[in-house]
Amino acid sequence: MRTSLGKHNNFLLWHAKAISAGIAIGRAKAMANAAPVGPSVQELRSAGYSFSAIANELKACRIPTARGGKWCAAQVQRILRWTT
């Protein structure tokens, strides 16, 4: 006798794979977007700049974010995480 639990487990497995694939794609895009500014951000951070100061420096240099928004400290932290 077949139960609906088998179908449910198949769906959960498919869903987990889909989420993993989506995360991997998102991570790859993030790393590609971070690559051009990564060395500059790392250099400023090693010079003792805070995350906010680096964000202000990127704004002053008119370096756009990946989506064209404004830089903030959290974005700078992510750039460092993805490029180191």
N, C-alpha and C. Protein backbone atom coordinates (compact mmCIF):
# COMPACT_ATOMS: atom_id res chain seq x y z
N MET A 1 0.84 -1.15 0.00
CA MET A 1 0.00 0.00 0.00
C MET A 1 0.90 1.24 0.00
N ARG A 2 0.57 2.20 -0.81
CA ARG A 2 1.36 3.42 -0.93
C ARG A 2 0.71 4.53 -0.12
N THR A 3 1.53 5.27 0.60
CA THR A 3 1.01 6.38 1.39
C THR A 3 1.43 7.70 0.77
N SER A 4 0.82 8.76 1.21
CA SER A 4 1.17 10.09 0.70
C SER A 4 2.49 10.59 1.30
N LEU A 5 2.98 9.92 2.32
CA LEU A 5 4.23 10.33 2.94
C LEU A 5 5.39 10.26 1.96
N GLY A 6 5.40 9.28 1.09
CA GLY A 6 6.45 9.16 0.08
C GLY A 6 6.50 10.36 -0.83
N LYS A 7 5.34 10.83 -1.27
CA LYS A 7 5.28 12.01 -2.12
C LYS A 7 5.76 13.23 -1.35
N HIS A 8 5.39 13.30 -0.10
CA HIS A 8 5.79 14.43 0.73
C HIS A 8 7.31 14.46 0.90
N ASN A 9 7.91 13.32 1.14
CA ASN A 9 9.36 13.26 1.28
C ASN A 9 10.07 13.64 -0.01
N ASN A 10 9.52 13.22 -1.15
CA ASN A 10 10.09 13.60 -2.44
C ASN A 10 10.04 15.10 -2.63
N PHE A 11 8.93 15.71 -2.24
CA PHE A 11 8.79 17.15 -2.37
C PHE A 11 9.82 17.86 -1.47
N LEU A 12 9.97 17.39 -0.24
CA LEU A 12 10.93 18.01 0.67
C LEU A 12 12.35 17.90 0.14
N LEU A 13 12.69 16.77 -0.44
CA LEU A 13 14.01 16.58 -1.02
C LEU A 13 14.21 17.53 -2.19
N TRP A 14 13.22 17.62 -3.06
CA TRP A 14 13.29 18.54 -4.20
C TRP A 14 13.42 19.98 -3.71
N HIS A 15 12.63 20.34 -2.71
CA HIS A 15 12.65 21.70 -2.19
C HIS A 15 14.02 22.04 -1.59
N ALA A 16 14.60 21.13 -0.85
CA ALA A 16 15.92 21.35 -0.26
C ALA A 16 16.98 21.55 -1.35
N LYS A 17 16.90 20.75 -2.42
CA LYS A 17 17.85 20.89 -3.52
C LYS A 17 17.67 22.23 -4.22
N ALA A 18 16.43 22.65 -4.40
CA ALA A 18 16.16 23.92 -5.06
C ALA A 18 16.69 25.09 -4.24
N ILE A 19 16.50 25.03 -2.95
CA ILE A 19 16.99 26.10 -2.08
C ILE A 19 18.52 26.13 -2.11
N SER A 20 19.16 24.97 -2.05
CA SER A 20 20.63 24.91 -2.11
C SER A 20 21.15 25.50 -3.41
N ALA A 21 20.49 25.18 -4.51
CA ALA A 21 20.91 25.70 -5.81
C ALA A 21 20.74 27.21 -5.84
N GLY A 22 19.64 27.70 -5.30
CA GLY A 22 19.40 29.15 -5.26
C GLY A 22 20.42 29.87 -4.42
N ILE A 23 20.78 29.30 -3.30
CA ILE A 23 21.80 29.89 -2.43
C ILE A 23 23.14 29.92 -3.15
N ALA A 24 23.49 28.84 -3.83
CA ALA A 24 24.76 28.78 -4.55
C ALA A 24 24.81 29.82 -5.66
N ILE A 25 23.72 30.00 -6.37
CA ILE A 25 23.67 31.00 -7.44
C ILE A 25 23.79 32.40 -6.85
N GLY A 26 23.07 32.65 -5.76
CA GLY A 26 23.13 33.95 -5.11
C GLY A 26 24.53 34.26 -4.59
N ARG A 27 25.18 33.27 -4.01
CA ARG A 27 26.53 33.45 -3.49
C ARG A 27 27.50 33.74 -4.64
N ALA A 28 27.34 33.05 -5.76
CA ALA A 28 28.23 33.29 -6.91
C ALA A 28 28.04 34.71 -7.45
N LYS A 29 26.80 35.17 -7.52
CA LYS A 29 26.55 36.54 -7.98
C LYS A 29 27.14 37.55 -7.02
N ALA A 30 26.98 37.31 -5.73
CA ALA A 30 27.51 38.23 -4.72
C ALA A 30 29.03 38.32 -4.81
N MET A 31 29.68 37.19 -4.98
CA MET A 31 31.13 37.19 -5.08
C MET A 31 31.60 37.89 -6.36
N ALA A 32 30.86 37.71 -7.45
CA ALA A 32 31.22 38.39 -8.70
C ALA A 32 31.05 39.90 -8.56
N ASN A 33 30.00 40.33 -7.87
CA ASN A 33 29.77 41.76 -7.67
C ASN A 33 30.79 42.37 -6.71
N ALA A 34 31.27 41.58 -5.77
CA ALA A 34 32.23 42.07 -4.78
C ALA A 34 33.64 42.14 -5.33
N ALA A 35 33.95 41.37 -6.33
CA ALA A 35 35.31 41.27 -6.82
C ALA A 35 35.94 42.61 -7.24
N PRO A 36 35.24 43.49 -7.96
CA PRO A 36 35.89 44.74 -8.39
C PRO A 36 36.28 45.67 -7.25
N VAL A 37 35.50 45.72 -6.19
CA VAL A 37 35.79 46.65 -5.09
C VAL A 37 36.52 45.97 -3.93
N GLY A 38 36.60 44.66 -3.96
CA GLY A 38 37.21 43.91 -2.87
C GLY A 38 38.61 44.38 -2.48
N PRO A 39 39.53 44.51 -3.43
CA PRO A 39 40.89 44.93 -3.06
C PRO A 39 40.92 46.32 -2.41
N SER A 40 40.12 47.24 -2.92
CA SER A 40 40.08 48.59 -2.34
C SER A 40 39.56 48.56 -0.92
N VAL A 41 38.51 47.78 -0.71
CA VAL A 41 37.90 47.67 0.63
C VAL A 41 38.89 47.01 1.58
N GLN A 42 39.58 45.98 1.14
CA GLN A 42 40.56 45.31 1.99
C GLN A 42 41.70 46.25 2.34
N GLU A 43 42.14 47.04 1.39
CA GLU A 43 43.23 47.98 1.63
C GLU A 43 42.82 49.04 2.67
N LEU A 44 41.61 49.58 2.53
CA LEU A 44 41.14 50.58 3.49
C LEU A 44 40.96 49.97 4.88
N ARG A 45 40.47 48.74 4.93
CA ARG A 45 40.26 48.09 6.22
C ARG A 45 41.60 47.82 6.91
N SER A 46 42.59 47.39 6.15
CA SER A 46 43.90 47.13 6.75
C SER A 46 44.58 48.43 7.18
N ALA A 47 44.15 49.56 6.59
CA ALA A 47 44.69 50.86 6.99
C ALA A 47 44.01 51.39 8.25
N GLY A 48 43.03 50.64 8.75
CA GLY A 48 42.39 51.01 10.00
C GLY A 48 41.04 51.70 9.87
N TYR A 49 40.49 51.77 8.67
CA TYR A 49 39.19 52.39 8.48
C TYR A 49 38.09 51.51 9.06
N SER A 50 37.06 52.13 9.61
CA SER A 50 35.89 51.38 10.08
C SER A 50 35.02 51.03 8.88
N PHE A 51 34.05 50.15 9.10
CA PHE A 51 33.14 49.78 8.01
C PHE A 51 32.37 51.00 7.51
N SER A 52 31.93 51.84 8.42
CA SER A 52 31.20 53.05 8.02
C SER A 52 32.09 54.01 7.25
N ALA A 53 33.32 54.15 7.68
CA ALA A 53 34.25 55.04 6.98
C ALA A 53 34.53 54.53 5.57
N ILE A 54 34.65 53.23 5.43
CA ILE A 54 34.86 52.65 4.09
C ILE A 54 33.64 52.90 3.22
N ALA A 55 32.45 52.73 3.78
CA ALA A 55 31.22 53.00 3.02
C ALA A 55 31.18 54.45 2.58
N ASN A 56 31.56 55.36 3.46
CA ASN A 56 31.59 56.78 3.10
C ASN A 56 32.62 57.06 2.02
N GLU A 57 33.74 56.38 2.09
CA GLU A 57 34.79 56.54 1.08
C GLU A 57 34.30 56.05 -0.29
N LEU A 58 33.60 54.92 -0.31
CA LEU A 58 33.06 54.40 -1.57
C LEU A 58 32.01 55.35 -2.15
N LYS A 59 31.20 55.94 -1.26
CA LYS A 59 30.21 56.94 -1.71
C LYS A 59 30.92 58.15 -2.30
N ALA A 60 31.96 58.63 -1.61
CA ALA A 60 32.69 59.82 -2.06
C ALA A 60 33.35 59.59 -3.42
N CYS A 61 33.80 58.37 -3.65
CA CYS A 61 34.43 58.02 -4.94
C CYS A 61 33.40 57.69 -6.01
N ARG A 62 32.14 57.75 -5.64
CA ARG A 62 31.02 57.46 -6.55
C ARG A 62 31.11 56.06 -7.16
N ILE A 63 31.51 55.11 -6.34
CA ILE A 63 31.54 53.71 -6.76
C ILE A 63 30.16 53.14 -6.48
N PRO A 64 29.47 52.66 -7.51
CA PRO A 64 28.11 52.17 -7.29
C PRO A 64 28.07 50.80 -6.63
N THR A 65 26.99 50.53 -5.91
CA THR A 65 26.76 49.19 -5.38
C THR A 65 26.28 48.32 -6.53
N ALA A 66 26.13 47.04 -6.28
CA ALA A 66 25.70 46.12 -7.33
C ALA A 66 24.33 46.49 -7.87
N ARG A 67 23.46 47.01 -7.01
CA ARG A 67 22.11 47.38 -7.44
C ARG A 67 21.94 48.88 -7.61
N GLY A 68 23.02 49.63 -7.49
CA GLY A 68 22.95 51.06 -7.70
C GLY A 68 22.49 51.86 -6.48
N GLY A 69 22.46 51.23 -5.32
CA GLY A 69 22.03 51.91 -4.11
C GLY A 69 23.18 52.60 -3.40
N LYS A 70 22.96 52.93 -2.14
CA LYS A 70 23.97 53.60 -1.34
C LYS A 70 24.73 52.59 -0.49
N TRP A 71 26.00 52.84 -0.29
CA TRP A 71 26.83 51.96 0.53
C TRP A 71 26.51 52.14 2.00
N CYS A 72 26.57 51.03 2.74
CA CYS A 72 26.42 51.07 4.19
C CYS A 72 27.44 50.11 4.80
N ALA A 73 27.59 50.19 6.11
CA ALA A 73 28.60 49.38 6.82
C ALA A 73 28.38 47.88 6.60
N ALA A 74 27.12 47.44 6.62
CA ALA A 74 26.83 46.01 6.45
C ALA A 74 27.29 45.51 5.08
N GLN A 75 27.13 46.34 4.05
CA GLN A 75 27.58 45.92 2.72
C GLN A 75 29.10 45.78 2.68
N VAL A 76 29.79 46.68 3.36
CA VAL A 76 31.25 46.61 3.41
C VAL A 76 31.68 45.32 4.12
N GLN A 77 31.00 44.97 5.20
CA GLN A 77 31.31 43.72 5.90
C GLN A 77 31.14 42.53 4.98
N ARG A 78 30.06 42.52 4.21
CA ARG A 78 29.81 41.41 3.29
C ARG A 78 30.88 41.34 2.20
N ILE A 79 31.27 42.50 1.69
CA ILE A 79 32.33 42.53 0.67
C ILE A 79 33.60 41.88 1.23
N LEU A 80 33.96 42.23 2.45
CA LEU A 80 35.14 41.64 3.06
C LEU A 80 34.99 40.15 3.27
N ARG A 81 33.79 39.71 3.66
CA ARG A 81 33.55 38.29 3.87
C ARG A 81 33.67 37.52 2.57
N TRP A 82 33.20 38.09 1.48
CA TRP A 82 33.19 37.38 0.20
C TRP A 82 34.51 37.42 -0.54
N THR A 83 35.36 38.39 -0.19
CA THR A 83 36.60 38.53 -0.96
C THR A 83 37.84 38.08 -0.20
N THR A 84 37.67 37.64 1.05
CA THR A 84 38.86 37.20 1.80
C THR A 84 38.84 35.71 1.99
